[in-house]
Amino acid sequence: MSNHDHASRPRPVRDSKSEMTEIVLPNDANPLNALLGGRLMHWIDMAAAMAAHRHSRQYVVTASIDHLDFLVPVRVGDIVILRSSVNRVYHTSMEVGVKVWVENYHTESNQHVSSAYLTFVAVDATGRRLQVAPVIPETDEEKRRYEDALRRRELRRSELARRRQVPSR
C-alpha cells in the first residue's frame, strides 16, 4: 500500500481522539487568580491540532475557531482537561470539537468550562492544501456531531459571505 493510499483511507473518529491535561499555574492566571482566556484558547487550539494531526497524518493549520463562551472560572491550582476529536472532514479541511473541563481535586468536582469548534486545513511543508481522508462516525454521539458539523459549516460560510459584503471604512 502506498503512502497516498494509507493517508486517504477513511478512519474512525476514535483514531483522532486526544486528551490534554494542564494544571493552572500563577503564570497562567490574571490578578484574580483566574485562568487567562487567551491561555485557554491556546490550549484549545493545541488540543484540536492534535486531533486534526492524528486524523490527517499531515501538517495542519488553524483556519477558524467558532465563538467561545467561558462558563465557569478556572482557578490557580485547578486541573484543566481538554478532549478533542474530528467531527467531520470535507476535502482539505476538517472540523474538530474540543470540550474543556475543570477538575478541582480539593472538592473532587468537575465542571464544563467551554466547548469550541475549530476548522483545520491539512497542508504540505510549502503550505499547499492536501486532501484529508474521510472520517467515519460510529457512535450515536459521533453521528450527531457529524451532522451538526455540516450545519455549522453552512453558518460559517454564510457569515463569511455577509462580512465580505459589508463595505470597509
N, C-alpha and C. Protein backbone atom coordinates (compact mmCIF):
# COMPACT_ATOMS: atom_id res chain seq x y z
N MET A 1 0.85 -1.17 0.00
CA MET A 1 0.00 0.00 0.00
C MET A 1 0.90 1.24 0.00
N SER A 2 0.62 2.20 -0.88
CA SER A 2 1.44 3.41 -0.97
C SER A 2 1.09 4.36 0.18
N ASN A 3 1.96 5.34 0.41
CA ASN A 3 1.70 6.34 1.44
C ASN A 3 0.42 7.11 1.15
N HIS A 4 0.15 7.41 -0.16
CA HIS A 4 -1.06 8.14 -0.52
C HIS A 4 -2.30 7.31 -0.17
N ASP A 5 -2.29 6.01 -0.48
CA ASP A 5 -3.42 5.14 -0.17
C ASP A 5 -3.66 5.09 1.33
N HIS A 6 -2.57 4.96 2.09
CA HIS A 6 -2.67 4.90 3.54
C HIS A 6 -3.23 6.21 4.10
N ALA A 7 -2.78 7.35 3.56
CA ALA A 7 -3.21 8.66 4.04
C ALA A 7 -4.65 8.97 3.67
N SER A 8 -5.16 8.38 2.58
CA SER A 8 -6.52 8.70 2.13
C SER A 8 -7.56 7.69 2.59
N ARG A 9 -7.14 6.65 3.29
CA ARG A 9 -8.07 5.62 3.76
C ARG A 9 -8.96 6.20 4.88
N PRO A 10 -10.28 6.03 4.79
CA PRO A 10 -11.17 6.54 5.84
C PRO A 10 -10.78 5.99 7.21
N ARG A 11 -10.93 6.83 8.24
CA ARG A 11 -10.58 6.43 9.60
C ARG A 11 -11.71 6.79 10.57
N PRO A 12 -11.92 5.98 11.57
CA PRO A 12 -12.98 6.27 12.54
C PRO A 12 -12.60 7.47 13.42
N VAL A 13 -13.63 8.13 13.95
CA VAL A 13 -13.43 9.26 14.86
C VAL A 13 -12.49 8.88 16.00
N ARG A 14 -12.63 7.67 16.51
CA ARG A 14 -11.83 7.26 17.68
C ARG A 14 -10.33 7.36 17.43
N ASP A 15 -9.89 7.26 16.18
CA ASP A 15 -8.47 7.38 15.88
C ASP A 15 -7.94 8.80 16.10
N SER A 16 -8.83 9.78 16.09
CA SER A 16 -8.41 11.18 16.27
C SER A 16 -8.52 11.65 17.71
N LYS A 17 -9.20 10.90 18.56
CA LYS A 17 -9.46 11.36 19.93
C LYS A 17 -8.16 11.66 20.66
N SER A 18 -8.15 12.81 21.30
CA SER A 18 -6.98 13.25 22.05
C SER A 18 -7.45 13.82 23.39
N GLU A 19 -6.57 13.72 24.37
CA GLU A 19 -6.84 14.32 25.67
C GLU A 19 -5.58 15.01 26.15
N MET A 20 -5.75 16.23 26.62
CA MET A 20 -4.64 17.04 27.09
C MET A 20 -5.00 17.52 28.50
N THR A 21 -4.06 17.48 29.40
CA THR A 21 -4.30 17.91 30.78
C THR A 21 -3.26 18.96 31.16
N GLU A 22 -3.72 20.02 31.78
CA GLU A 22 -2.85 21.11 32.22
C GLU A 22 -3.22 21.47 33.66
N ILE A 23 -2.24 21.85 34.45
CA ILE A 23 -2.51 22.42 35.77
C ILE A 23 -2.33 23.93 35.65
N VAL A 24 -3.26 24.67 36.22
CA VAL A 24 -3.21 26.12 36.12
C VAL A 24 -2.21 26.65 37.14
N LEU A 25 -1.17 27.30 36.65
CA LEU A 25 -0.12 27.88 37.48
C LEU A 25 -0.29 29.39 37.54
N PRO A 26 0.35 30.06 38.49
CA PRO A 26 0.20 31.52 38.60
C PRO A 26 0.51 32.26 37.29
N ASN A 27 1.44 31.78 36.50
CA ASN A 27 1.79 32.43 35.24
C ASN A 27 0.66 32.33 34.21
N ASP A 28 -0.30 31.42 34.43
CA ASP A 28 -1.43 31.23 33.52
C ASP A 28 -2.63 32.09 33.90
N ALA A 29 -2.51 32.84 35.00
CA ALA A 29 -3.68 33.50 35.59
C ALA A 29 -3.57 35.02 35.58
N ASN A 30 -4.75 35.64 35.75
CA ASN A 30 -4.83 37.09 35.89
C ASN A 30 -4.66 37.48 37.37
N PRO A 31 -4.73 38.76 37.71
CA PRO A 31 -4.56 39.16 39.11
C PRO A 31 -5.61 38.59 40.07
N LEU A 32 -6.71 38.07 39.54
CA LEU A 32 -7.74 37.47 40.38
C LEU A 32 -7.54 35.96 40.55
N ASN A 33 -6.38 35.48 40.10
CA ASN A 33 -6.05 34.05 40.16
C ASN A 33 -6.97 33.17 39.32
N ALA A 34 -7.54 33.76 38.26
CA ALA A 34 -8.38 33.01 37.32
C ALA A 34 -7.59 32.83 36.02
N LEU A 35 -7.78 31.68 35.40
CA LEU A 35 -7.10 31.36 34.15
C LEU A 35 -7.37 32.43 33.10
N LEU A 36 -6.30 32.86 32.43
CA LEU A 36 -6.43 33.82 31.34
C LEU A 36 -7.19 33.18 30.18
N GLY A 37 -8.13 33.91 29.61
CA GLY A 37 -8.88 33.40 28.47
C GLY A 37 -7.98 33.06 27.30
N GLY A 38 -6.96 33.87 27.07
CA GLY A 38 -6.03 33.62 25.97
C GLY A 38 -5.24 32.35 26.15
N ARG A 39 -4.90 32.02 27.40
CA ARG A 39 -4.18 30.77 27.67
C ARG A 39 -5.09 29.59 27.36
N LEU A 40 -6.36 29.69 27.77
CA LEU A 40 -7.29 28.60 27.49
C LEU A 40 -7.49 28.46 25.97
N MET A 41 -7.57 29.57 25.26
CA MET A 41 -7.72 29.50 23.81
C MET A 41 -6.50 28.81 23.18
N HIS A 42 -5.32 29.09 23.69
CA HIS A 42 -4.11 28.43 23.20
C HIS A 42 -4.19 26.93 23.43
N TRP A 43 -4.60 26.52 24.64
CA TRP A 43 -4.71 25.10 24.93
C TRP A 43 -5.76 24.43 24.04
N ILE A 44 -6.87 25.12 23.81
CA ILE A 44 -7.92 24.58 22.93
C ILE A 44 -7.36 24.37 21.52
N ASP A 45 -6.62 25.34 21.02
CA ASP A 45 -6.03 25.23 19.69
C ASP A 45 -5.05 24.05 19.64
N MET A 46 -4.26 23.88 20.66
CA MET A 46 -3.30 22.77 20.70
C MET A 46 -4.02 21.42 20.75
N ALA A 47 -5.04 21.31 21.59
CA ALA A 47 -5.79 20.05 21.70
C ALA A 47 -6.46 19.71 20.37
N ALA A 48 -7.03 20.71 19.73
CA ALA A 48 -7.68 20.49 18.44
C ALA A 48 -6.67 20.09 17.38
N ALA A 49 -5.52 20.74 17.38
CA ALA A 49 -4.47 20.41 16.41
C ALA A 49 -4.02 18.97 16.55
N MET A 50 -3.94 18.47 17.78
CA MET A 50 -3.55 17.07 17.99
C MET A 50 -4.54 16.13 17.32
N ALA A 51 -5.84 16.39 17.50
CA ALA A 51 -6.85 15.53 16.88
C ALA A 51 -6.78 15.62 15.35
N ALA A 52 -6.63 16.84 14.83
CA ALA A 52 -6.55 17.03 13.38
C ALA A 52 -5.32 16.33 12.80
N HIS A 53 -4.20 16.45 13.51
CA HIS A 53 -2.97 15.79 13.06
C HIS A 53 -3.11 14.27 13.11
N ARG A 54 -3.69 13.76 14.18
CA ARG A 54 -3.87 12.31 14.30
C ARG A 54 -4.74 11.76 13.17
N HIS A 55 -5.77 12.53 12.82
CA HIS A 55 -6.65 12.05 11.75
C HIS A 55 -6.00 12.16 10.38
N SER A 56 -5.48 13.34 10.06
CA SER A 56 -4.98 13.60 8.71
C SER A 56 -3.60 13.02 8.46
N ARG A 57 -2.83 12.87 9.53
CA ARG A 57 -1.44 12.42 9.42
C ARG A 57 -0.64 13.34 8.51
N GLN A 58 -0.98 14.63 8.59
CA GLN A 58 -0.32 15.68 7.81
C GLN A 58 -0.08 16.87 8.73
N TYR A 59 0.68 17.86 8.23
CA TYR A 59 0.73 19.14 8.93
C TYR A 59 -0.67 19.73 8.87
N VAL A 60 -1.06 20.45 9.90
CA VAL A 60 -2.37 21.12 9.90
C VAL A 60 -2.20 22.55 10.38
N VAL A 61 -3.05 23.42 9.86
CA VAL A 61 -3.07 24.81 10.31
C VAL A 61 -4.50 25.19 10.68
N THR A 62 -4.62 26.06 11.67
CA THR A 62 -5.93 26.53 12.10
C THR A 62 -6.48 27.50 11.08
N ALA A 63 -7.68 27.24 10.60
CA ALA A 63 -8.33 28.14 9.64
C ALA A 63 -9.35 29.03 10.34
N SER A 64 -10.04 28.49 11.34
CA SER A 64 -11.03 29.29 12.06
C SER A 64 -11.37 28.63 13.38
N ILE A 65 -11.94 29.44 14.25
CA ILE A 65 -12.49 28.94 15.51
C ILE A 65 -13.82 29.63 15.72
N ASP A 66 -14.83 28.85 16.08
CA ASP A 66 -16.12 29.44 16.38
C ASP A 66 -16.02 30.18 17.71
N HIS A 67 -17.05 30.92 18.05
CA HIS A 67 -17.00 31.71 19.28
C HIS A 67 -16.80 30.82 20.51
N LEU A 68 -16.27 31.44 21.55
CA LEU A 68 -16.02 30.73 22.81
C LEU A 68 -16.82 31.38 23.92
N ASP A 69 -17.44 30.58 24.73
CA ASP A 69 -18.06 31.05 25.97
C ASP A 69 -17.29 30.42 27.11
N PHE A 70 -16.97 31.24 28.11
CA PHE A 70 -16.30 30.74 29.31
C PHE A 70 -17.37 30.62 30.38
N LEU A 71 -17.75 29.38 30.69
CA LEU A 71 -18.93 29.12 31.52
C LEU A 71 -18.67 29.25 33.01
N VAL A 72 -17.51 28.83 33.46
CA VAL A 72 -17.15 28.93 34.88
C VAL A 72 -15.69 29.35 34.98
N PRO A 73 -15.34 30.05 36.06
CA PRO A 73 -13.93 30.43 36.20
C PRO A 73 -13.06 29.22 36.54
N VAL A 74 -11.83 29.28 36.11
CA VAL A 74 -10.85 28.25 36.42
C VAL A 74 -9.77 28.93 37.25
N ARG A 75 -9.41 28.34 38.37
CA ARG A 75 -8.51 28.99 39.33
C ARG A 75 -7.12 28.36 39.33
N VAL A 76 -6.18 29.11 39.83
CA VAL A 76 -4.82 28.59 40.01
C VAL A 76 -4.91 27.32 40.87
N GLY A 77 -4.22 26.28 40.43
CA GLY A 77 -4.24 25.00 41.12
C GLY A 77 -5.24 24.01 40.55
N ASP A 78 -6.20 24.50 39.78
CA ASP A 78 -7.17 23.60 39.16
C ASP A 78 -6.50 22.82 38.02
N ILE A 79 -7.08 21.69 37.70
CA ILE A 79 -6.62 20.88 36.57
C ILE A 79 -7.61 21.06 35.43
N VAL A 80 -7.09 21.37 34.26
CA VAL A 80 -7.92 21.57 33.07
C VAL A 80 -7.74 20.36 32.15
N ILE A 81 -8.86 19.79 31.73
CA ILE A 81 -8.84 18.62 30.85
C ILE A 81 -9.51 19.01 29.54
N LEU A 82 -8.80 18.82 28.44
CA LEU A 82 -9.31 19.16 27.11
C LEU A 82 -9.41 17.88 26.30
N ARG A 83 -10.61 17.58 25.81
CA ARG A 83 -10.84 16.39 25.00
C ARG A 83 -11.24 16.84 23.60
N SER A 84 -10.59 16.25 22.60
CA SER A 84 -10.84 16.67 21.23
C SER A 84 -10.99 15.47 20.30
N SER A 85 -11.71 15.71 19.20
CA SER A 85 -11.81 14.70 18.13
C SER A 85 -12.32 15.38 16.87
N VAL A 86 -12.04 14.74 15.74
CA VAL A 86 -12.52 15.25 14.46
C VAL A 86 -14.01 14.93 14.34
N ASN A 87 -14.80 15.96 14.03
CA ASN A 87 -16.24 15.78 13.86
C ASN A 87 -16.61 15.43 12.43
N ARG A 88 -15.96 16.12 11.48
CA ARG A 88 -16.31 15.91 10.07
C ARG A 88 -15.14 16.37 9.21
N VAL A 89 -14.99 15.72 8.05
CA VAL A 89 -13.95 16.07 7.10
C VAL A 89 -14.62 16.51 5.80
N TYR A 90 -14.05 17.53 5.19
CA TYR A 90 -14.51 17.98 3.88
C TYR A 90 -13.43 17.58 2.88
N HIS A 91 -12.98 18.40 2.02
CA HIS A 91 -11.96 17.98 1.05
C HIS A 91 -10.55 18.13 1.64
N THR A 92 -10.19 19.34 2.00
CA THR A 92 -8.87 19.59 2.60
C THR A 92 -8.99 20.10 4.03
N SER A 93 -10.21 20.25 4.49
CA SER A 93 -10.41 20.78 5.84
C SER A 93 -11.19 19.80 6.70
N MET A 94 -11.14 20.06 8.00
CA MET A 94 -11.86 19.22 8.95
C MET A 94 -12.30 20.05 10.13
N GLU A 95 -13.48 19.75 10.67
CA GLU A 95 -13.93 20.38 11.90
C GLU A 95 -13.55 19.50 13.07
N VAL A 96 -12.97 20.14 14.08
CA VAL A 96 -12.56 19.46 15.30
C VAL A 96 -13.34 20.06 16.46
N GLY A 97 -13.90 19.22 17.30
CA GLY A 97 -14.58 19.68 18.50
C GLY A 97 -13.68 19.50 19.71
N VAL A 98 -13.71 20.49 20.60
CA VAL A 98 -12.94 20.42 21.85
C VAL A 98 -13.90 20.73 22.99
N LYS A 99 -13.89 19.88 23.99
CA LYS A 99 -14.67 20.13 25.20
C LYS A 99 -13.69 20.26 26.36
N VAL A 100 -13.88 21.30 27.17
CA VAL A 100 -12.95 21.62 28.26
C VAL A 100 -13.66 21.44 29.60
N TRP A 101 -12.96 20.77 30.50
CA TRP A 101 -13.46 20.53 31.85
C TRP A 101 -12.46 21.06 32.86
N VAL A 102 -12.94 21.48 34.01
CA VAL A 102 -12.05 21.84 35.11
C VAL A 102 -12.30 20.85 36.23
N GLU A 103 -11.20 20.37 36.79
CA GLU A 103 -11.27 19.43 37.89
C GLU A 103 -10.63 20.09 39.10
N ASN A 104 -11.39 20.17 40.17
CA ASN A 104 -10.85 20.67 41.42
C ASN A 104 -10.65 19.48 42.33
N TYR A 105 -9.40 19.12 42.55
CA TYR A 105 -9.13 17.90 43.31
C TYR A 105 -9.38 18.06 44.80
N HIS A 106 -9.47 19.31 45.31
CA HIS A 106 -9.81 19.52 46.72
C HIS A 106 -11.28 19.20 46.98
N THR A 107 -12.14 19.64 46.04
CA THR A 107 -13.58 19.42 46.21
C THR A 107 -14.08 18.20 45.44
N GLU A 108 -13.16 17.57 44.70
CA GLU A 108 -13.50 16.41 43.88
C GLU A 108 -14.67 16.70 42.94
N SER A 109 -14.61 17.89 42.29
CA SER A 109 -15.68 18.27 41.37
C SER A 109 -15.13 18.50 39.97
N ASN A 110 -15.98 18.25 38.99
CA ASN A 110 -15.68 18.53 37.58
C ASN A 110 -16.77 19.44 37.05
N GLN A 111 -16.37 20.46 36.28
CA GLN A 111 -17.34 21.34 35.67
C GLN A 111 -16.95 21.59 34.22
N HIS A 112 -17.97 21.72 33.38
CA HIS A 112 -17.76 22.06 31.98
C HIS A 112 -17.38 23.54 31.90
N VAL A 113 -16.25 23.83 31.27
CA VAL A 113 -15.74 25.19 31.17
C VAL A 113 -16.10 25.82 29.83
N SER A 114 -15.89 25.08 28.76
CA SER A 114 -16.07 25.64 27.43
C SER A 114 -16.11 24.52 26.40
N SER A 115 -16.71 24.83 25.26
CA SER A 115 -16.66 23.95 24.09
C SER A 115 -16.32 24.82 22.89
N ALA A 116 -15.61 24.26 21.95
CA ALA A 116 -15.22 25.03 20.77
C ALA A 116 -15.19 24.12 19.55
N TYR A 117 -15.42 24.73 18.40
CA TYR A 117 -15.30 24.05 17.12
C TYR A 117 -14.27 24.81 16.31
N LEU A 118 -13.26 24.10 15.86
CA LEU A 118 -12.19 24.69 15.08
C LEU A 118 -12.13 24.02 13.72
N THR A 119 -11.76 24.79 12.72
CA THR A 119 -11.55 24.24 11.39
C THR A 119 -10.06 24.24 11.11
N PHE A 120 -9.56 23.10 10.69
CA PHE A 120 -8.15 22.94 10.32
C PHE A 120 -8.05 22.55 8.87
N VAL A 121 -6.95 22.95 8.26
CA VAL A 121 -6.66 22.58 6.89
C VAL A 121 -5.35 21.80 6.89
N ALA A 122 -5.33 20.70 6.17
CA ALA A 122 -4.10 19.90 6.04
C ALA A 122 -3.24 20.53 4.93
N VAL A 123 -1.96 20.67 5.21
CA VAL A 123 -1.04 21.28 4.24
C VAL A 123 0.27 20.52 4.19
N ASP A 124 1.00 20.70 3.08
CA ASP A 124 2.34 20.13 3.00
C ASP A 124 3.34 21.15 3.54
N ALA A 125 4.62 20.84 3.46
CA ALA A 125 5.66 21.70 4.03
C ALA A 125 5.72 23.08 3.38
N THR A 126 5.16 23.21 2.18
CA THR A 126 5.17 24.51 1.49
C THR A 126 3.87 25.27 1.69
N GLY A 127 2.91 24.69 2.42
CA GLY A 127 1.64 25.35 2.67
C GLY A 127 0.56 25.01 1.67
N ARG A 128 0.83 24.10 0.74
CA ARG A 128 -0.16 23.69 -0.25
C ARG A 128 -1.18 22.75 0.42
N ARG A 129 -2.46 23.02 0.16
CA ARG A 129 -3.53 22.21 0.75
C ARG A 129 -3.45 20.75 0.29
N LEU A 130 -3.77 19.85 1.21
CA LEU A 130 -3.77 18.42 0.92
C LEU A 130 -5.14 17.83 1.22
N GLN A 131 -5.51 16.83 0.46
CA GLN A 131 -6.77 16.13 0.70
C GLN A 131 -6.69 15.39 2.03
N VAL A 132 -7.81 15.36 2.74
CA VAL A 132 -7.89 14.69 4.04
C VAL A 132 -8.79 13.46 3.89
N ALA A 133 -8.39 12.37 4.51
CA ALA A 133 -9.19 11.14 4.48
C ALA A 133 -10.53 11.37 5.17
N PRO A 134 -11.59 10.73 4.68
CA PRO A 134 -12.89 10.85 5.34
C PRO A 134 -12.84 10.31 6.76
N VAL A 135 -13.75 10.82 7.59
CA VAL A 135 -13.87 10.33 8.96
C VAL A 135 -15.14 9.49 9.03
N ILE A 136 -15.09 8.44 9.85
CA ILE A 136 -16.23 7.54 10.00
C ILE A 136 -16.80 7.68 11.41
N PRO A 137 -17.97 8.31 11.55
CA PRO A 137 -18.61 8.36 12.87
C PRO A 137 -19.24 7.00 13.17
N GLU A 138 -19.02 6.49 14.37
CA GLU A 138 -19.53 5.16 14.71
C GLU A 138 -20.63 5.20 15.77
N THR A 139 -20.45 6.00 16.81
CA THR A 139 -21.44 6.03 17.88
C THR A 139 -22.55 7.02 17.53
N ASP A 140 -23.66 6.96 18.26
CA ASP A 140 -24.75 7.91 18.04
C ASP A 140 -24.27 9.34 18.26
N GLU A 141 -23.47 9.55 19.29
CA GLU A 141 -22.93 10.89 19.58
C GLU A 141 -22.04 11.38 18.44
N GLU A 142 -21.17 10.53 17.93
CA GLU A 142 -20.31 10.90 16.82
C GLU A 142 -21.13 11.22 15.57
N LYS A 143 -22.18 10.46 15.34
CA LYS A 143 -23.05 10.70 14.18
C LYS A 143 -23.78 12.04 14.32
N ARG A 144 -24.23 12.36 15.53
CA ARG A 144 -24.89 13.65 15.78
C ARG A 144 -23.91 14.79 15.52
N ARG A 145 -22.68 14.68 16.05
CA ARG A 145 -21.68 15.73 15.84
C ARG A 145 -21.33 15.86 14.37
N TYR A 146 -21.28 14.74 13.65
CA TYR A 146 -21.01 14.74 12.22
C TYR A 146 -22.07 15.55 11.47
N GLU A 147 -23.34 15.31 11.77
CA GLU A 147 -24.44 16.03 11.12
C GLU A 147 -24.44 17.50 11.54
N ASP A 148 -24.24 17.77 12.82
CA ASP A 148 -24.22 19.15 13.30
C ASP A 148 -23.09 19.95 12.64
N ALA A 149 -21.98 19.30 12.35
CA ALA A 149 -20.83 19.99 11.75
C ALA A 149 -21.19 20.57 10.39
N LEU A 150 -22.02 19.88 9.63
CA LEU A 150 -22.42 20.39 8.33
C LEU A 150 -23.24 21.68 8.49
N ARG A 151 -24.14 21.71 9.46
CA ARG A 151 -24.93 22.92 9.73
C ARG A 151 -24.02 24.08 10.15
N ARG A 152 -23.05 23.78 11.02
CA ARG A 152 -22.12 24.84 11.44
C ARG A 152 -21.30 25.35 10.26
N ARG A 153 -20.90 24.46 9.37
CA ARG A 153 -20.12 24.88 8.19
C ARG A 153 -20.93 25.84 7.33
N GLU A 154 -22.21 25.53 7.13
CA GLU A 154 -23.06 26.41 6.33
C GLU A 154 -23.21 27.77 7.02
N LEU A 155 -23.35 27.78 8.34
CA LEU A 155 -23.43 29.05 9.07
C LEU A 155 -22.14 29.85 8.93
N ARG A 156 -20.99 29.18 9.04
CA ARG A 156 -19.70 29.86 8.88
C ARG A 156 -19.58 30.46 7.49
N ARG A 157 -19.98 29.70 6.49
CA ARG A 157 -19.89 30.20 5.11
C ARG A 157 -20.83 31.39 4.90
N SER A 158 -22.03 31.33 5.44
CA SER A 158 -22.97 32.45 5.32
C SER A 158 -22.42 33.69 6.00
N GLU A 159 -21.87 33.52 7.19
CA GLU A 159 -21.30 34.65 7.93
C GLU A 159 -20.11 35.25 7.19
N LEU A 160 -19.26 34.43 6.62
CA LEU A 160 -18.11 34.92 5.86
C LEU A 160 -18.58 35.71 4.63
N ALA A 161 -19.58 35.20 3.94
CA ALA A 161 -20.12 35.91 2.77
C ALA A 161 -20.72 37.24 3.19
N ARG A 162 -21.44 37.27 4.31
CA ARG A 162 -22.03 38.51 4.81
C ARG A 162 -20.94 39.53 5.14
N ARG A 163 -19.88 39.10 5.81
CA ARG A 163 -18.79 40.03 6.18
C ARG A 163 -18.09 40.58 4.94
N ARG A 164 -17.98 39.78 3.91
CA ARG A 164 -17.34 40.24 2.68
C ARG A 164 -18.17 41.28 1.96
N GLN A 165 -19.49 41.31 2.21
CA GLN A 165 -20.36 42.28 1.56
C GLN A 165 -20.42 43.61 2.30
N VAL A 166 -20.01 43.62 3.58
CA VAL A 166 -20.04 44.85 4.36
C VAL A 166 -18.92 45.77 3.90
N PRO A 167 -19.26 47.01 3.48
CA PRO A 167 -18.21 47.92 3.00
C PRO A 167 -17.25 48.28 4.13
N SER A 168 -15.96 48.34 3.81
CA SER A 168 -14.97 48.73 4.80
C SER A 168 -14.94 50.24 4.92
N ARG A 169 -14.50 50.74 6.06
CA ARG A 169 -14.45 52.19 6.27
C ARG A 169 -13.16 52.78 5.84
